[in-house]
Every structure is written in C-alpha cells, then in structure tokens.
Amino acid sequence: MSYRILHVSDLHVGPPFRRPIAEALVRQAHTIRPDLVVVSGDFVQRADLIGQWRAAQKLLAALPSPQLVVPGNHDVPLYNTHLRLFAPLGRYRRYISRDLNPVFERPGLVVVGVVTAHGLTFDGGKISRSQAATLRSILGRYGPEVCKVVVWHHPVVNPPGLHKNRVIKDAHAAIHMLDACNVELLLSGHIHVSYVGNTLDVVNDLRQGTIICQSGTTTSRRGYGREQGKNSCNLIEVDEHAIRISQLLYMDEADRFVPAAEHTFPRRAGPVYELPPDERDVPM
C-alpha cells in the first residue's frame, strides 16, 4: 500500500486571506492527486461572519476529495456570546462538515480527526475525557500493522524559537495518549509555522513516540517566525516501510509550493525500527 496526504491548515478566509495563493494551492492539489486532503482547522478568520464561511466552503469544494477536516479556534464565534457558549461549532457544521469525529480508512491506514477547539477556549485547545475515550475506541479497532494518523488543530509541542506557549492543554497527557494508542503521526496547525519532530523530543518515557507534523498557514498573511509573510503545507507519503514528509513552501517565482525540507521515518509496524536498505537515502 502507498498513500499520499496533502496537509493544509489555517486558511483564515477573511481579511488575512491570500486568494492568489489559494488558487495556486487548488491547481497544485489537483496535479498532486492526493489520496486524502487534510485541513487541520481555522477555515475562517472570524466565525461571526457568514460571508467568510461561504467563501471557505467554496474553497473547500474546489480542493480534491476525499477530505478530512477539523475545526480550529478561529472557527468558534468570538463576539456572539450566545453562539460561542451554546453552539460554538454550529456554523462550522453548517458550512464545512457535520462530522466532528471524521475517520478516513484504507487498507493499512486510518486517519482520525479530533476537535480541540471549544466555546470556552479563545486561543488554547483541549481534549475532553469523552473525546479521549472515543479516540481510544476508534483506534483500538485497528491492529499494529495499520498506520494510525490523528488530526487536530492545536500542537502538543512548541517548535524551537516560539517563545509563547501555544500547546494544547495537558499536552503531556495528550502525548501519552497518542503513544498508548500507537499513533505514528499527528497532523496539526495553529501556530502558523511548520515543524516536523517527535513527541520523544519533549517526553522521554514513551514506548515509541509519535511523529509531529505541523503546517504553517497555507493561505493567509499571518505566517509566524521564520515563515512570517510566507505560506506552507505538507505532502505526506505513507507505505509499508516509511512515512515521508515534504514540507512545502510557496515561492512567488515558481507560483507553487515547493519542497523546503524532506524527512523520512521508518514505519513502526515492523519488528525492527529500521528502513530496508533500498529505502535509505544514505547507505549504511
């Protein structure tokens, strides 16, 4: 089996939105022909405004299918207190997706979405006990040979150079939950700078750790740190032996997203955590 996942995030349709970048993304996505498009939240800049939701809905329809999407904190109304408290994801469900626990399944692969944006949180995110139980139940249906991928909006690790703490509430517990569920890959966004690492970088008593793949903002002017004013996304390839991540950065000269860095991780399903010799970039 071999699958390609296009991972985009933090579209921020509204004042920060860069329409030419979005148009380039749509063109390139259809050229890539991914097996799945993942959007890890923040479809709109301000969830109070219906026009932004309609524009985000139109952009999503222009991207290839199938898709797996989750909301971000900007997808929860900020000024409409009634909606924020009693229907925080009502407009997300109306215009983007009614499924708050999406699951994408193919032979050898399962991708599960989790909501970390809630009405009582403004910038931060959390996973409730019931959500954690649901995630464990879903992932428990699949054997060790299946590559398990989880998608949520808020990160579990602050990348180097980020001085403000932007991680999910109880990140340590979330990291241990991913490890206990044998999750090989976590896709997230929120902080507007791309990052690839491993939960073992911050918690060293894990059984195997989880690969972290964060996307920067794909279509807005709100890039942060080294990606200030820039746009990024990720192209992920999963097969029996490896997970390969290409961090893509939009280049004006090329009018497309181009690889800025590439990472190869051995799959955890086999008895030995090692790439076969013909899969290695550097022979040993």
Protein backbone atom coordinates (compact mmCIF):
# COMPACT_ATOMS: atom_id res chain seq x y z
CA MET A 1 0.00 0.00 0.00
CA SER A 2 1.05 3.58 -0.64
CA TYR A 3 -0.91 6.75 0.12
CA ARG A 4 -0.37 10.48 -0.33
CA ILE A 5 -1.86 13.00 2.10
CA LEU A 6 -1.91 16.72 1.37
CA HIS A 7 -1.98 18.53 4.73
CA VAL A 8 -3.03 22.20 4.76
CA SER A 9 -4.03 24.37 7.69
CA ASP A 10 -5.01 27.82 8.94
CA LEU A 11 -6.67 29.10 5.77
CA HIS A 12 -8.08 32.17 7.58
CA VAL A 13 -10.56 33.16 4.91
CA GLY A 14 -11.23 36.83 5.64
CA PRO A 15 -9.00 39.94 5.74
CA PRO A 16 -5.69 37.98 6.00
CA PHE A 17 -6.63 35.60 3.16
CA ARG A 18 -4.35 35.48 0.10
CA ARG A 19 -6.58 34.47 -2.79
CA PRO A 20 -3.78 34.00 -5.39
CA ILE A 21 -2.06 31.55 -3.04
CA ALA A 22 -5.34 29.68 -2.58
CA GLU A 23 -5.81 29.47 -6.33
CA ALA A 24 -2.27 28.13 -6.73
CA LEU A 25 -2.96 25.59 -3.98
CA VAL A 26 -6.07 24.32 -5.75
CA ARG A 27 -4.23 23.96 -9.07
CA GLN A 28 -1.33 22.13 -7.47
CA ALA A 29 -3.55 19.90 -5.35
CA HIS A 30 -5.27 18.58 -8.48
CA THR A 31 -1.87 17.96 -10.05
CA ILE A 32 -0.68 16.04 -6.96
CA ARG A 33 -3.90 13.99 -6.86
CA PRO A 34 -3.59 13.05 -3.17
CA ASP A 35 -5.45 10.10 -1.69
CA LEU A 36 -6.63 12.46 1.07
CA VAL A 37 -6.70 16.19 1.72
CA VAL A 38 -6.45 17.11 5.41
CA VAL A 39 -7.36 20.57 6.73
CA SER A 40 -6.37 21.00 10.37
CA GLY A 41 -8.54 23.95 11.30
CA ASP A 42 -9.01 27.73 11.17
CA PHE A 43 -11.06 27.87 7.98
CA VAL A 44 -12.14 31.46 8.65
CA GLN A 45 -10.64 34.49 10.32
CA ARG A 46 -13.82 35.42 12.16
CA ALA A 47 -16.52 32.81 12.68
CA ASP A 48 -19.13 35.50 13.40
CA LEU A 49 -19.26 36.48 9.69
CA ILE A 50 -21.35 34.34 7.31
CA GLY A 51 -19.58 35.65 4.19
CA GLN A 52 -16.28 34.17 5.34
CA TRP A 53 -17.91 30.77 5.88
CA ARG A 54 -19.38 30.78 2.38
CA ALA A 55 -16.01 31.66 0.87
CA ALA A 56 -14.29 28.92 2.91
CA GLN A 57 -16.97 26.45 1.79
CA LYS A 58 -16.27 27.38 -1.83
CA LEU A 59 -12.51 26.90 -1.39
CA LEU A 60 -13.02 23.50 0.22
CA ALA A 61 -15.25 22.43 -2.68
CA ALA A 62 -12.51 23.41 -5.14
CA LEU A 63 -9.94 21.13 -3.48
CA PRO A 64 -9.77 17.41 -4.34
CA SER A 65 -11.72 14.78 -2.45
CA PRO A 66 -11.79 12.81 -0.23
CA GLN A 67 -11.16 15.24 2.59
CA LEU A 68 -10.80 15.02 6.36
CA VAL A 69 -11.28 18.30 8.20
CA VAL A 70 -11.34 19.53 11.81
CA PRO A 71 -12.17 22.99 13.22
CA GLY A 72 -9.76 25.46 14.80
CA ASN A 73 -10.22 28.13 17.46
CA HIS A 74 -10.99 30.79 14.81
CA ASP A 75 -13.91 28.62 13.68
CA VAL A 76 -15.64 29.36 17.01
CA PRO A 77 -17.55 32.69 17.21
CA LEU A 78 -15.71 35.34 19.20
CA TYR A 79 -18.22 38.17 19.61
CA ASN A 80 -21.52 36.29 19.50
CA THR A 81 -21.58 35.07 23.10
CA HIS A 82 -24.76 33.02 22.70
CA LEU A 83 -23.33 31.03 19.79
CA ARG A 84 -19.96 30.74 21.49
CA LEU A 85 -21.49 29.16 24.59
CA PHE A 86 -24.38 27.14 23.17
CA ALA A 87 -23.45 26.35 19.55
CA PRO A 88 -19.71 27.01 19.19
CA LEU A 89 -19.37 24.81 16.10
CA GLY A 90 -22.82 25.40 14.64
CA ARG A 91 -21.60 27.38 11.64
CA TYR A 92 -18.66 25.05 11.09
CA ARG A 93 -21.12 22.15 10.95
CA ARG A 94 -23.43 24.04 8.59
CA TYR A 95 -20.84 25.24 6.08
CA ILE A 96 -17.87 22.86 6.41
CA SER A 97 -18.70 19.46 7.93
CA ARG A 98 -21.28 17.97 10.27
CA ASP A 99 -18.86 15.21 11.25
CA LEU A 100 -16.88 16.14 14.36
CA ASN A 101 -15.22 12.72 14.60
CA PRO A 102 -14.20 12.07 10.98
CA VAL A 103 -12.47 8.82 10.08
CA PHE A 104 -10.71 8.01 6.80
CA GLU A 105 -9.94 4.35 6.32
CA ARG A 106 -8.00 2.46 3.68
CA PRO A 107 -6.16 -0.89 3.83
CA GLY A 108 -3.14 -0.30 6.08
CA LEU A 109 -4.11 3.28 7.01
CA VAL A 110 -6.57 5.05 9.30
CA VAL A 111 -6.79 8.83 9.83
CA VAL A 112 -8.93 10.14 12.70
CA GLY A 113 -9.94 13.73 13.36
CA VAL A 114 -10.42 15.21 16.85
CA VAL A 115 -11.90 18.58 17.87
CA THR A 116 -9.63 20.62 20.17
CA ALA A 117 -11.42 23.99 19.69
CA HIS A 118 -14.24 24.63 22.13
CA GLY A 119 -16.51 27.53 23.05
CA LEU A 120 -14.80 28.35 26.34
CA THR A 121 -11.31 28.47 24.84
CA PHE A 122 -10.08 31.50 22.92
CA ASP A 123 -6.57 30.64 21.75
CA GLY A 124 -5.84 27.38 23.52
CA GLY A 125 -7.33 23.97 22.95
CA LYS A 126 -8.17 20.84 24.88
CA ILE A 127 -9.35 17.26 24.59
CA SER A 128 -12.11 16.18 26.95
CA ARG A 129 -12.23 12.81 28.67
CA SER A 130 -15.09 11.71 26.44
CA GLN A 131 -13.13 12.71 23.32
CA ALA A 132 -10.10 10.78 24.55
CA ALA A 133 -12.28 7.74 25.19
CA THR A 134 -13.79 7.99 21.70
CA LEU A 135 -10.34 8.24 20.12
CA ARG A 136 -9.09 5.22 22.04
CA SER A 137 -12.16 3.26 21.00
CA ILE A 138 -11.75 4.10 17.32
CA LEU A 139 -8.03 3.40 17.18
CA GLY A 140 -8.44 0.21 19.20
CA ARG A 141 -10.24 -1.37 16.25
CA TYR A 142 -7.04 -1.47 14.19
CA GLY A 143 -4.07 -3.79 14.51
CA PRO A 144 -0.38 -2.83 14.76
CA GLU A 145 0.10 -3.25 11.02
CA VAL A 146 -2.18 -0.25 10.34
CA CYS A 147 -0.59 3.21 10.21
CA LYS A 148 -2.60 5.34 12.65
CA VAL A 149 -2.74 9.08 12.00
CA VAL A 150 -4.52 11.66 14.17
CA VAL A 151 -5.51 15.18 13.11
CA TRP A 152 -6.33 18.05 15.46
CA HIS A 153 -5.75 21.79 15.44
CA HIS A 154 -3.58 22.64 18.45
CA PRO A 155 0.04 21.46 18.75
CA VAL A 156 1.47 19.31 21.52
CA VAL A 157 4.97 20.79 21.18
CA ASN A 158 6.26 24.33 20.79
CA PRO A 159 8.78 24.36 17.92
CA PRO A 160 12.20 25.94 18.55
CA GLY A 161 12.12 29.74 18.54
CA LEU A 162 8.47 30.03 19.61
CA HIS A 163 8.50 32.00 22.85
CA LYS A 164 4.75 31.99 23.56
CA ASN A 165 3.30 28.73 24.84
CA ARG A 166 0.69 27.67 22.25
CA VAL A 167 0.32 23.97 23.03
CA ILE A 168 -2.86 22.13 23.87
CA LYS A 169 -3.98 21.97 27.49
CA ASP A 170 -2.50 18.94 29.28
CA ALA A 171 -0.14 18.34 26.38
CA HIS A 172 1.79 15.76 28.42
CA ALA A 173 -1.36 13.65 28.83
CA ALA A 174 -2.23 14.04 25.13
CA ILE A 175 1.25 12.86 24.16
CA HIS A 176 0.95 9.79 26.39
CA MET A 177 -2.49 9.03 24.95
CA LEU A 178 -1.11 9.12 21.39
CA ASP A 179 1.69 6.80 22.42
CA ALA A 180 -0.67 4.37 24.18
CA CYS A 181 -2.84 4.26 21.04
CA ASN A 182 0.20 3.52 18.83
CA VAL A 183 -0.36 6.69 16.79
CA GLU A 184 2.51 7.05 14.36
CA LEU A 185 1.74 10.55 13.06
CA LEU A 186 -0.01 13.68 14.41
CA LEU A 187 -1.07 16.44 11.99
CA SER A 188 -1.83 19.89 13.43
CA GLY A 189 -1.58 23.64 12.81
CA HIS A 190 -2.48 26.74 14.86
CA ILE A 191 0.93 28.35 15.33
CA HIS A 192 1.50 29.43 11.70
CA VAL A 193 4.94 27.92 11.34
CA SER A 194 5.71 24.45 10.01
CA TYR A 195 7.55 21.93 12.16
CA VAL A 196 8.45 18.25 12.00
CA GLY A 197 9.66 16.42 15.08
CA ASN A 198 8.73 13.70 17.55
CA THR A 199 6.99 13.63 20.91
CA LEU A 200 10.09 11.90 22.25
CA ASP A 201 11.79 15.29 21.92
CA VAL A 202 9.84 16.52 24.96
CA VAL A 203 8.70 13.35 26.77
CA ASN A 204 11.36 10.66 27.04
CA ASP A 205 9.45 7.87 28.82
CA LEU A 206 7.28 6.95 25.84
CA ARG A 207 7.06 3.49 24.33
CA GLN A 208 7.69 4.62 20.75
CA GLY A 209 6.74 8.28 20.39
CA THR A 210 4.66 9.97 17.69
CA ILE A 211 5.91 11.88 14.66
CA ILE A 212 4.73 15.51 14.80
CA CYS A 213 3.86 17.25 11.53
CA GLN A 214 2.64 20.83 11.90
CA SER A 215 1.63 23.01 8.97
CA GLY A 216 2.06 26.75 8.87
CA THR A 217 -0.67 28.95 7.49
CA THR A 218 -1.35 27.80 3.94
CA THR A 219 -3.31 30.74 2.54
CA SER A 220 -3.04 33.78 4.86
CA ARG A 221 -0.65 36.64 5.59
CA ARG A 222 -0.29 35.54 9.21
CA GLY A 223 2.88 33.45 8.97
CA TYR A 224 4.98 33.49 12.13
CA GLY A 225 8.71 33.43 12.92
CA ARG A 226 10.80 32.17 10.02
CA GLU A 227 7.60 31.90 7.97
CA GLN A 228 6.49 35.48 8.52
CA GLY A 229 4.71 36.55 5.33
CA LYS A 230 5.08 33.03 3.92
CA ASN A 231 2.75 30.11 3.29
CA SER A 232 3.30 26.41 3.79
CA CYS A 233 1.71 22.97 3.78
CA ASN A 234 2.87 19.35 3.84
CA LEU A 235 2.81 16.42 1.46
CA ILE A 236 2.98 13.08 3.27
CA GLU A 237 3.56 9.65 1.79
CA VAL A 238 2.80 6.52 3.78
CA ASP A 239 3.74 3.00 2.71
CA GLU A 240 4.62 -0.31 4.37
CA HIS A 241 8.16 0.78 5.26
CA ALA A 242 8.25 4.54 5.76
CA ILE A 243 6.48 7.83 6.37
CA ARG A 244 7.91 10.60 4.20
CA ILE A 245 7.10 14.26 4.86
CA SER A 246 7.84 17.06 2.40
CA GLN A 247 7.49 20.50 3.97
CA LEU A 248 6.26 22.70 1.12
CA LEU A 249 6.77 26.47 1.00
CA TYR A 250 5.06 28.74 -1.51
CA MET A 251 7.56 30.53 -3.80
CA ASP A 252 6.41 33.56 -5.79
CA GLU A 253 8.92 32.85 -8.56
CA ALA A 254 7.52 29.37 -9.13
CA ASP A 255 3.88 30.26 -8.36
CA ARG A 256 3.60 26.99 -6.49
CA PHE A 257 4.51 25.22 -3.27
CA VAL A 258 7.99 23.70 -3.47
CA PRO A 259 9.83 21.34 -1.08
CA ALA A 260 11.78 23.24 1.58
CA ALA A 261 12.72 20.15 3.62
CA GLU A 262 12.13 16.42 3.44
CA HIS A 263 12.01 13.83 6.23
CA THR A 264 11.88 10.04 6.16
CA PHE A 265 10.80 7.99 9.18
CA PRO A 266 10.74 4.18 9.37
CA ARG A 267 7.28 2.72 9.98
CA ARG A 268 6.66 1.30 13.47
CA ALA A 269 4.60 -1.69 12.31
CA GLY A 270 7.55 -3.99 11.67
CA PRO A 271 9.51 -5.89 14.33
CA VAL A 272 12.60 -3.76 13.69
CA TYR A 273 12.53 0.05 13.64
CA GLU A 274 14.68 0.35 10.52
CA LEU A 275 14.32 1.21 6.86
CA PRO A 276 15.13 -1.55 4.35
CA PRO A 277 18.47 -0.93 2.61
CA ASP A 278 16.84 0.02 -0.70
CA GLU A 279 14.67 2.63 1.07
CA ARG A 280 17.57 4.56 2.65
CA ASP A 281 18.91 7.79 1.23
CA VAL A 282 22.30 7.15 2.87
CA PRO A 283 23.59 3.53 2.75
CA MET A 284 24.93 2.02 5.98
